[in-house]
C-alpha atoms as a PDB file:
ATOM      1  CA  UNK A   1      17.749 122.050  48.374  1.00  0.00           C
ATOM      2  CA  UNK A   2      19.273 124.036  51.464  1.00  0.00           C
ATOM      3  CA  UNK A   3      22.985 125.101  52.231  1.00  0.00           C
ATOM      4  CA  UNK A   4      24.795 122.970  55.235  1.00  0.00           C
ATOM      5  CA  UNK A   5      28.422 122.812  54.785  1.00  0.00           C
ATOM      6  CA  UNK A   6      27.343 121.276  51.076  1.00  0.00           C
ATOM      7  CA  UNK A   7      24.721 122.352  48.513  1.00  0.00           C
ATOM      8  CA  UNK A   8      23.526 120.915  45.372  1.00  0.00           C
ATOM      9  CA  UNK A   9      23.773 122.693  42.100  1.00  0.00           C
ATOM     10  CA  UNK A  10      22.849 122.819  38.467  1.00  0.00           C
ATOM     11  CA  UNK A  11      24.617 124.505  37.107  1.00  0.00           C
ATOM     12  CA  UNK A  12      28.123 126.477  37.219  1.00  0.00           C
ATOM     13  CA  UNK A  13      31.677 127.406  36.237  1.00  0.00           C
ATOM     14  CA  UNK A  14      35.288 125.825  36.498  1.00  0.00           C
ATOM     15  CA  UNK A  15      37.419 126.336  38.984  1.00  0.00           C
ATOM     16  CA  UNK A  16      41.143 124.958  39.158  1.00  0.00           C
ATOM     17  CA  UNK A  17      44.184 124.409  41.701  1.00  0.00           C
ATOM     18  CA  UNK A  18      47.811 125.524  40.377  1.00  0.00           C
ATOM     19  CA  UNK A  19      48.243 122.054  42.171  1.00  0.00           C
ATOM     20  CA  UNK A  20      51.448 120.033  41.010  1.00  0.00           C
ATOM     21  CA  UNK A  21      51.482 121.423  37.193  1.00  0.00           C
ATOM     22  CA  UNK A  22      53.687 120.379  34.726  1.00  0.00           C
ATOM     23  CA  UNK A  23      56.607 122.625  33.481  1.00  0.00           C
ATOM     24  CA  UNK A  24      57.818 122.684  29.876  1.00  0.00           C
ATOM     25  CA  UNK A  25      60.685 120.005  30.639  1.00  0.00           C
ATOM     26  CA  UNK A  26      58.041 117.568  31.829  1.00  0.00           C
ATOM     27  CA  UNK A  27      58.771 118.327  35.311  1.00  0.00           C
ATOM     28  CA  UNK A  28      55.845 118.791  38.386  1.00  0.00           C
ATOM     29  CA  UNK A  29      56.312 120.406  40.988  1.00  0.00           C
ATOM     30  CA  UNK A  30      56.250 117.466  43.545  1.00  0.00           C
ATOM     31  CA  UNK A  31      59.801 116.662  41.524  1.00  0.00           C
ATOM     32  CA  UNK A  32      57.744 113.581  39.958  1.00  0.00           C
ATOM     33  CA  UNK A  33      59.484 113.879  36.388  1.00  0.00           C
ATOM     34  CA  UNK A  34      57.627 112.607  33.211  1.00  0.00           C
ATOM     35  CA  UNK A  35      59.085 110.285  31.065  1.00  0.00           C
ATOM     36  CA  UNK A  36      57.881 112.014  27.700  1.00  0.00           C
ATOM     37  CA  UNK A  37      58.624 108.889  25.343  1.00  0.00           C
ATOM     38  CA  UNK A  38      55.646 106.904  26.442  1.00  0.00           C
ATOM     39  CA  UNK A  39      52.625 107.175  25.212  1.00  0.00           C
ATOM     40  CA  UNK A  40      49.356 109.612  26.925  1.00  0.00           C
ATOM     41  CA  UNK A  41      47.538 108.176  30.046  1.00  0.00           C
ATOM     42  CA  UNK A  42      43.596 108.312  30.049  1.00  0.00           C
ATOM     43  CA  UNK A  43      42.245 111.723  32.072  1.00  0.00           C
ATOM     44  CA  UNK A  44      40.824 110.424  35.406  1.00  0.00           C
ATOM     45  CA  UNK A  45      37.552 112.305  35.381  1.00  0.00           C
ATOM     46  CA  UNK A  46      35.904 111.760  39.047  1.00  0.00           C
ATOM     47  CA  UNK A  47      32.071 112.660  39.335  1.00  0.00           C
ATOM     48  CA  UNK A  48      30.511 113.153  42.730  1.00  0.00           C
ATOM     49  CA  UNK A  49      27.237 112.443  42.908  1.00  0.00           C
ATOM     50  CA  UNK A  50      23.993 111.160  44.883  1.00  0.00           C
ATOM     51  CA  UNK A  51      20.894 109.997  44.163  1.00  0.00           C
ATOM     52  CA  UNK A  52      19.502 112.255  47.385  1.00  0.00           C
ATOM     53  CA  UNK A  53      20.076 115.022  44.725  1.00  0.00           C
ATOM     54  CA  UNK A  54      17.393 116.656  42.256  1.00  0.00           C
ATOM     55  CA  UNK A  55      20.564 118.165  39.202  1.00  0.00           C
ATOM     56  CA  UNK A  56      22.350 114.808  40.293  1.00  0.00           C
ATOM     57  CA  UNK A  57      20.553 112.546  36.982  1.00  0.00           C
ATOM     58  CA  UNK A  58      21.811 115.205  34.730  1.00  0.00           C
ATOM     59  CA  UNK A  59      25.185 115.144  35.448  1.00  0.00           C
ATOM     60  CA  UNK A  60      25.436 110.932  35.654  1.00  0.00           C
ATOM     61  CA  UNK A  61      23.349 111.307  32.391  1.00  0.00           C
ATOM     62  CA  UNK A  62      26.321 113.234  31.170  1.00  0.00           C
ATOM     63  CA  UNK A  63      29.462 111.112  32.552  1.00  0.00           C
ATOM     64  CA  UNK A  64      27.680 108.471  30.942  1.00  0.00           C
ATOM     65  CA  UNK A  65      27.682 109.589  27.716  1.00  0.00           C
ATOM     66  CA  UNK A  66      31.407 110.612  28.508  1.00  0.00           C
ATOM     67  CA  UNK A  67      32.682 107.347  29.153  1.00  0.00           C
ATOM     68  CA  UNK A  68      30.903 105.854  26.072  1.00  0.00           C
ATOM     69  CA  UNK A  69      32.956 108.144  23.994  1.00  0.00           C
ATOM     70  CA  UNK A  70      29.974 110.673  22.666  1.00  0.00           C
ATOM     71  CA  UNK A  71      31.974 113.047  22.352  1.00  0.00           C
ATOM     72  CA  UNK A  72      35.282 113.788  19.960  1.00  0.00           C
ATOM     73  CA  UNK A  73      38.204 114.709  23.032  1.00  0.00           C
ATOM     74  CA  UNK A  74      41.812 114.436  22.077  1.00  0.00           C
ATOM     75  CA  UNK A  75      42.388 111.551  25.041  1.00  0.00           C
ATOM     76  CA  UNK A  76      40.628 108.441  26.028  1.00  0.00           C
ATOM     77  CA  UNK A  77      39.073 109.292  29.881  1.00  0.00           C
ATOM     78  CA  UNK A  78      38.523 107.140  33.147  1.00  0.00           C
ATOM     79  CA  UNK A  79      34.978 108.123  34.559  1.00  0.00           C
ATOM     80  CA  UNK A  80      34.725 107.004  38.209  1.00  0.00           C
ATOM     81  CA  UNK A  81      31.336 108.082  39.764  1.00  0.00           C
ATOM     82  CA  UNK A  82      31.731 108.436  43.711  1.00  0.00           C
ATOM     83  CA  UNK A  83      27.960 108.490  45.755  1.00  0.00           C
ATOM     84  CA  UNK A  84      28.326 110.626  48.403  1.00  0.00           C
ATOM     85  CA  UNK A  85      25.745 109.865  52.198  1.00  0.00           C
ATOM     86  CA  UNK A  86      25.639 113.498  53.470  1.00  0.00           C
ATOM     87  CA  UNK A  87      22.237 113.757  51.148  1.00  0.00           C
ATOM     88  CA  UNK A  88      20.834 110.802  52.497  1.00  0.00           C
ATOM     89  CA  UNK A  89      18.793 112.664  55.264  1.00  0.00           C
ATOM     90  CA  UNK A  90      16.490 114.181  52.433  1.00  0.00           C
ATOM     91  CA  UNK A  91      14.470 111.419  52.364  1.00  0.00           C
ATOM     92  CA  UNK A  92      15.838 109.155  50.121  1.00  0.00           C
ATOM     93  CA  UNK A  93      19.380 107.026  51.322  1.00  0.00           C
ATOM     94  CA  UNK A  94      21.532 106.287  48.028  1.00  0.00           C
ATOM     95  CA  UNK A  95      22.243 102.814  47.757  1.00  0.00           C
ATOM     96  CA  UNK A  96      25.498 103.332  46.413  1.00  0.00           C
ATOM     97  CA  UNK A  97      26.664 106.261  48.810  1.00  0.00           C
ATOM     98  CA  UNK A  98      29.442 105.912  51.245  1.00  0.00           C
ATOM     99  CA  UNK A  99      31.075 107.982  54.135  1.00  0.00           C
ATOM    100  CA  UNK A 100      34.148 106.696  52.375  1.00  0.00           C
ATOM    101  CA  UNK A 101      33.881 109.039  48.915  1.00  0.00           C
ATOM    102  CA  UNK A 102      32.236 111.920  51.480  1.00  0.00           C
ATOM    103  CA  UNK A 103      35.586 111.905  52.710  1.00  0.00           C
ATOM    104  CA  UNK A 104      37.611 111.620  49.508  1.00  0.00           C
ATOM    105  CA  UNK A 105      35.489 114.975  48.538  1.00  0.00           C
ATOM    106  CA  UNK A 106      36.185 116.691  51.601  1.00  0.00           C
ATOM    107  CA  UNK A 107      40.356 116.249  50.660  1.00  0.00           C
ATOM    108  CA  UNK A 108      39.450 117.890  47.200  1.00  0.00           C
ATOM    109  CA  UNK A 109      37.591 120.608  48.688  1.00  0.00           C
ATOM    110  CA  UNK A 110      40.293 121.871  50.780  1.00  0.00           C
ATOM    111  CA  UNK A 111      43.029 120.792  48.017  1.00  0.00           C
ATOM    112  CA  UNK A 112      41.282 122.868  45.820  1.00  0.00           C
ATOM    113  CA  UNK A 113      40.437 125.517  48.659  1.00  0.00           C
ATOM    114  CA  UNK A 114      36.543 125.138  47.519  1.00  0.00           C
ATOM    115  CA  UNK A 115      34.421 127.213  50.428  1.00  0.00           C
ATOM    116  CA  UNK A 116      31.648 124.097  50.410  1.00  0.00           C
ATOM    117  CA  UNK A 117      31.011 120.525  49.286  1.00  0.00           C
ATOM    118  CA  UNK A 118      28.269 120.130  46.322  1.00  0.00           C
ATOM    119  CA  UNK A 119      26.907 117.878  44.185  1.00  0.00           C
ATOM    120  CA  UNK A 120      27.084 116.919  41.408  1.00  0.00           C
ATOM    121  CA  UNK A 121      31.074 118.030  40.624  1.00  0.00           C
ATOM    122  CA  UNK A 122      33.457 116.539  38.899  1.00  0.00           C
ATOM    123  CA  UNK A 123      37.293 117.007  39.260  1.00  0.00           C
ATOM    124  CA  UNK A 124      39.750 116.178  36.479  1.00  0.00           C
ATOM    125  CA  UNK A 125      43.060 115.150  37.413  1.00  0.00           C
ATOM    126  CA  UNK A 126      42.441 115.785  41.083  1.00  0.00           C
ATOM    127  CA  UNK A 127      43.683 119.300  39.796  1.00  0.00           C
ATOM    128  CA  UNK A 128      40.515 121.383  38.172  1.00  0.00           C
ATOM    129  CA  UNK A 129      36.788 120.952  38.890  1.00  0.00           C
ATOM    130  CA  UNK A 130      33.605 121.704  37.438  1.00  0.00           C
ATOM    131  CA  UNK A 131      29.634 121.714  38.044  1.00  0.00           C
ATOM    132  CA  UNK A 132      29.002 119.102  35.429  1.00  0.00           C
ATOM    133  CA  UNK A 133      25.220 120.004  34.088  1.00  0.00           C
ATOM    134  CA  UNK A 134      27.273 122.180  31.448  1.00  0.00           C
ATOM    135  CA  UNK A 135      28.685 120.020  28.857  1.00  0.00           C
ATOM    136  CA  UNK A 136      31.113 122.904  27.256  1.00  0.00           C
ATOM    137  CA  UNK A 137      32.479 123.151  30.536  1.00  0.00           C
ATOM    138  CA  UNK A 138      32.883 119.824  31.339  1.00  0.00           C
ATOM    139  CA  UNK A 139      34.606 119.499  27.828  1.00  0.00           C
ATOM    140  CA  UNK A 140      36.779 122.431  28.425  1.00  0.00           C
ATOM    141  CA  UNK A 141      37.822 121.131  31.791  1.00  0.00           C
ATOM    142  CA  UNK A 142      38.830 117.898  30.854  1.00  0.00           C
ATOM    143  CA  UNK A 143      40.853 119.845  27.348  1.00  0.00           C
ATOM    144  CA  UNK A 144      42.974 121.970  29.489  1.00  0.00           C
ATOM    145  CA  UNK A 145      43.948 119.047  32.089  1.00  0.00           C
ATOM    146  CA  UNK A 146      47.786 118.009  32.348  1.00  0.00           C
ATOM    147  CA  UNK A 147      48.945 114.725  30.588  1.00  0.00           C
ATOM    148  CA  UNK A 148      51.113 112.347  31.734  1.00  0.00           C
ATOM    149  CA  UNK A 149      52.171 109.004  30.497  1.00  0.00           C
ATOM    150  CA  UNK A 150      50.187 105.923  30.356  1.00  0.00           C
ATOM    151  CA  UNK A 151      50.977 102.899  33.061  1.00  0.00           C
ATOM    152  CA  UNK A 152      52.383 100.485  31.236  1.00  0.00           C
ATOM    153  CA  UNK A 153      50.225  97.612  33.439  1.00  0.00           C
ATOM    154  CA  UNK A 154      48.881  94.074  33.192  1.00  0.00           C
ATOM    155  CA  UNK A 155      45.904  92.786  35.070  1.00  0.00           C
ATOM    156  CA  UNK A 156      45.709  89.190  36.438  1.00  0.00           C
ATOM    157  CA  UNK A 157      41.707  88.677  37.123  1.00  0.00           C
ATOM    158  CA  UNK A 158      40.644  85.807  38.731  1.00  0.00           C
ATOM    159  CA  UNK A 159      37.915  84.814  40.904  1.00  0.00           C
ATOM    160  CA  UNK A 160      39.100  82.267  43.210  1.00  0.00           C
ATOM    161  CA  UNK A 161      35.941  82.088  45.621  1.00  0.00           C
ATOM    162  CA  UNK A 162      32.609  82.826  44.875  1.00  0.00           C
ATOM    163  CA  UNK A 163      32.445  85.567  47.294  1.00  0.00           C
ATOM    164  CA  UNK A 164      36.117  87.855  45.862  1.00  0.00           C
ATOM    165  CA  UNK A 165      37.919  88.883  43.116  1.00  0.00           C
ATOM    166  CA  UNK A 166      41.512  89.119  42.953  1.00  0.00           C
ATOM    167  CA  UNK A 167      43.638  91.696  40.923  1.00  0.00           C
ATOM    168  CA  UNK A 168      46.896  91.584  40.217  1.00  0.00           C
ATOM    169  CA  UNK A 169      48.897  94.642  38.911  1.00  0.00           C
ATOM    170  CA  UNK A 170      52.143  93.980  37.325  1.00  0.00           C
ATOM    171  CA  UNK A 171      53.878  96.727  34.953  1.00  0.00           C
ATOM    172  CA  UNK A 172      55.421  99.836  35.337  1.00  0.00           C
ATOM    173  CA  UNK A 173      54.118 103.586  36.247  1.00  0.00           C
ATOM    174  CA  UNK A 174      56.649 105.085  33.401  1.00  0.00           C
ATOM    175  CA  UNK A 175      57.395 108.561  35.484  1.00  0.00           C
ATOM    176  CA  UNK A 176      59.854 108.633  38.090  1.00  0.00           C
ATOM    177  CA  UNK A 177      59.195 108.492  41.123  1.00  0.00           C
ATOM    178  CA  UNK A 178      61.076 110.677  44.014  1.00  0.00           C
ATOM    179  CA  UNK A 179      60.526 110.738  47.822  1.00  0.00           C
ATOM    180  CA  UNK A 180      57.298 112.430  48.037  1.00  0.00           C
ATOM    181  CA  UNK A 181      55.754 108.808  46.484  1.00  0.00           C
ATOM    182  CA  UNK A 182      52.673 107.964  45.298  1.00  0.00           C
ATOM    183  CA  UNK A 183      49.984 105.476  45.994  1.00  0.00           C
ATOM    184  CA  UNK A 184      48.865 103.339  43.335  1.00  0.00           C
ATOM    185  CA  UNK A 185      44.844 102.166  43.700  1.00  0.00           C
ATOM    186  CA  UNK A 186      42.485 100.251  42.016  1.00  0.00           C
ATOM    187  CA  UNK A 187      38.788 101.062  41.643  1.00  0.00           C
ATOM    188  CA  UNK A 188      35.891  98.256  40.927  1.00  0.00           C
ATOM    189  CA  UNK A 189      33.113 100.181  39.151  1.00  0.00           C
ATOM    190  CA  UNK A 190      29.661  99.159  38.553  1.00  0.00           C
ATOM    191  CA  UNK A 191      27.961  99.622  34.689  1.00  0.00           C
ATOM    192  CA  UNK A 192      24.217  99.503  34.505  1.00  0.00           C
ATOM    193  CA  UNK A 193      22.205 100.472  37.331  1.00  0.00           C
ATOM    194  CA  UNK A 194      18.833 101.433  37.645  1.00  0.00           C
ATOM    195  CA  UNK A 195      16.832 102.491  40.371  1.00  0.00           C
ATOM    196  CA  UNK A 196      13.114 103.411  41.099  1.00  0.00           C
ATOM    197  CA  UNK A 197      13.392 106.045  43.436  1.00  0.00           C
ATOM    198  CA  UNK A 198      10.710 106.584  45.632  1.00  0.00           C
ATOM    199  CA  UNK A 199      11.196 109.407  47.955  1.00  0.00           C
ATOM    200  CA  UNK A 200      13.727 112.116  48.572  1.00  0.00           C
ATOM    201  CA  UNK A 201      14.242 114.774  45.691  1.00  0.00           C
ATOM    202  CA  UNK A 202      13.801 112.541  43.106  1.00  0.00           C
ATOM    203  CA  UNK A 203      11.385 110.909  43.902  1.00  0.00           C
ATOM    204  CA  UNK A 204       9.363 109.023  41.189  1.00  0.00           C
ATOM    205  CA  UNK A 205      12.261 109.329  38.581  1.00  0.00           C
ATOM    206  CA  UNK A 206      13.988 106.129  37.284  1.00  0.00           C
ATOM    207  CA  UNK A 207      17.484 106.540  37.525  1.00  0.00           C
ATOM    208  CA  UNK A 208      20.426 105.123  35.843  1.00  0.00           C
ATOM    209  CA  UNK A 209      24.056 105.482  36.898  1.00  0.00           C
ATOM    210  CA  UNK A 210      27.032 104.027  35.338  1.00  0.00           C
ATOM    211  CA  UNK A 211      30.736 104.336  36.393  1.00  0.00           C
ATOM    212  CA  UNK A 212      29.476 103.234  40.220  1.00  0.00           C
ATOM    213  CA  UNK A 213      33.069 102.780  42.146  1.00  0.00           C
ATOM    214  CA  UNK A 214      31.808  99.872  44.329  1.00  0.00           C
ATOM    215  CA  UNK A 215      34.804  99.184  45.982  1.00  0.00           C
ATOM    216  CA  UNK A 216      38.522 100.875  46.216  1.00  0.00           C
ATOM    217  CA  UNK A 217      41.590  99.497  47.411  1.00  0.00           C
ATOM    218  CA  UNK A 218      45.460 100.258  47.628  1.00  0.00           C
ATOM    219  CA  UNK A 219      47.629  98.150  45.723  1.00  0.00           C
ATOM    220  CA  UNK A 220      50.760  99.376  46.759  1.00  0.00           C
ATOM    221  CA  UNK A 221      53.240 102.509  47.685  1.00  0.00           C
ATOM    222  CA  UNK A 222      55.818 103.550  45.581  1.00  0.00           C
ATOM    223  CA  UNK A 223      58.626 105.941  46.609  1.00  0.00           C
ATOM    224  CA  UNK A 224      62.182 106.802  44.820  1.00  0.00           C
ATOM    225  CA  UNK A 225      61.470 104.317  42.022  1.00  0.00           C
ATOM    226  CA  UNK A 226      62.431 105.008  38.228  1.00  0.00           C
ATOM    227  CA  UNK A 227      60.071 105.003  35.161  1.00  0.00           C
ATOM    228  CA  UNK A 228      60.399 101.585  34.281  1.00  0.00           C
ATOM    229  CA  UNK A 229      60.826  99.728  36.862  1.00  0.00           C
ATOM    230  CA  UNK A 230      58.431  97.256  37.488  1.00  0.00           C
ATOM    231  CA  UNK A 231      55.834  97.455  40.209  1.00  0.00           C
ATOM    232  CA  UNK A 232      53.359  94.543  40.903  1.00  0.00           C
ATOM    233  CA  UNK A 233      50.613  93.795  43.773  1.00  0.00           C
ATOM    234  CA  UNK A 234      47.101  92.249  44.148  1.00  0.00           C
ATOM    235  CA  UNK A 235      44.200  93.784  46.102  1.00  0.00           C
ATOM    236  CA  UNK A 236      41.270  91.367  47.037  1.00  0.00           C
ATOM    237  CA  UNK A 237      37.608  92.286  46.850  1.00  0.00           C
ATOM    238  CA  UNK A 238      34.655  90.798  48.897  1.00  0.00           C
ATOM    239  CA  UNK A 239      31.550  90.619  46.177  1.00  0.00           C
ATOM    240  CA  UNK A 240      28.184  90.068  47.278  1.00  0.00           C
ATOM    241  CA  UNK A 241      25.476  88.580  46.163  1.00  0.00           C
ATOM    242  CA  UNK A 242      24.158  88.577  42.222  1.00  0.00           C
ATOM    243  CA  UNK A 243      27.599  89.849  41.227  1.00  0.00           C
ATOM    244  CA  UNK A 244      27.536  90.260  37.466  1.00  0.00           C
ATOM    245  CA  UNK A 245      30.853  90.576  35.942  1.00  0.00           C
ATOM    246  CA  UNK A 246      29.386  91.955  32.773  1.00  0.00           C
ATOM    247  CA  UNK A 247      28.524  95.323  34.392  1.00  0.00           C
ATOM    248  CA  UNK A 248      31.901  95.684  36.448  1.00  0.00           C
ATOM    249  CA  UNK A 249      35.094  96.921  35.316  1.00  0.00           C
ATOM    250  CA  UNK A 250      38.522  97.880  36.944  1.00  0.00           C
ATOM    251  CA  UNK A 251      39.968 101.512  36.837  1.00  0.00           C
ATOM    252  CA  UNK A 252      44.188 101.653  38.171  1.00  0.00           C
ATOM    253  CA  UNK A 253      45.570 104.904  38.927  1.00  0.00           C
ATOM    254  CA  UNK A 254      48.389 106.615  40.674  1.00  0.00           C
ATOM    255  CA  UNK A 255      48.036 109.442  42.975  1.00  0.00           C
ATOM    256  CA  UNK A 256      49.842 111.256  45.130  1.00  0.00           C
ATOM    257  CA  UNK A 257      48.502 112.623  48.874  1.00  0.00           C
ATOM    258  CA  UNK A 258      46.052 114.910  47.484  1.00  0.00           C
ATOM    259  CA  UNK A 259      44.668 112.547  45.279  1.00  0.00           C
ATOM    260  CA  UNK A 260      45.998 114.294  41.945  1.00  0.00           C
ATOM    261  CA  UNK A 261      46.370 112.118  39.557  1.00  0.00           C
ATOM    262  CA  UNK A 262      49.831 110.759  38.019  1.00  0.00           C
ATOM    263  CA  UNK A 263      48.018 108.130  35.520  1.00  0.00           C
ATOM    264  CA  UNK A 264      45.203 105.970  34.601  1.00  0.00           C
ATOM    265  CA  UNK A 265      44.428 102.630  32.763  1.00  0.00           C
ATOM    266  CA  UNK A 266      40.896 100.664  32.899  1.00  0.00           C
ATOM    267  CA  UNK A 267      40.463  96.937  32.046  1.00  0.00           C
ATOM    268  CA  UNK A 268      37.580  94.908  31.597  1.00  0.00           C
ATOM    269  CA  UNK A 269      36.832  91.757  33.801  1.00  0.00           C
ATOM    270  CA  UNK A 270      37.379  88.093  31.790  1.00  0.00           C
ATOM    271  CA  UNK A 271      34.703  86.482  30.423  1.00  0.00           C
ATOM    272  CA  UNK A 272      35.221  83.678  32.200  1.00  0.00           C
ATOM    273  CA  UNK A 273      35.985  85.125  35.662  1.00  0.00           C
END
């Protein structure tokens, strides 16, 4: 695939940014203090992908296996797949691609001091990245990721109308947030997507995608808050025709302004939604 300001890669080594690392006292360099007694949070694994990139389908398959629990890991993971839109010009418009996800990936490129944007790319906990077509590299990047306490959130998920999904989150972050603050985000993602690709670099292939982020909303901003303080907020997602609740789930995570992750949880939609 031709290089402009981005690339489409098949193999590669991992790299990382020092970012906000945790020291021996459980304190990060953005003055966020970890409550050590809390159980560990799942590790956030973000995939940047495109149906218009020839090497993305193999990465999608690997991340689907990761999210299903096919690998023996020391900690659970939350997988989110963001489909970017900068390969749409190659002849196939990714139906899940969004400039919003391209902007998120660009922020990581700047934070991690990378030279270019590319797909497929995995970012782990917002601090390290790798090309996810190599299973060993992916698992190694996850294994060395910093760990944080698990939030104690509870989710109340309702469907007030046929066109909306309302998610209320209540609980504690379980780490002390000081002046720099964090954003609590809620992602609605979809599994089991299958498309026949009729053009572009994947022409003639049947493409399968899981953990595809369809919506992402900010629940709240948190500043100067103790680890045990209860926070609460509600987001409302606009839905679309043929919404099938069995294919969807919710991920909730805390991140700073550089998208570095400090804890995450996931919730299945209730059967009676």
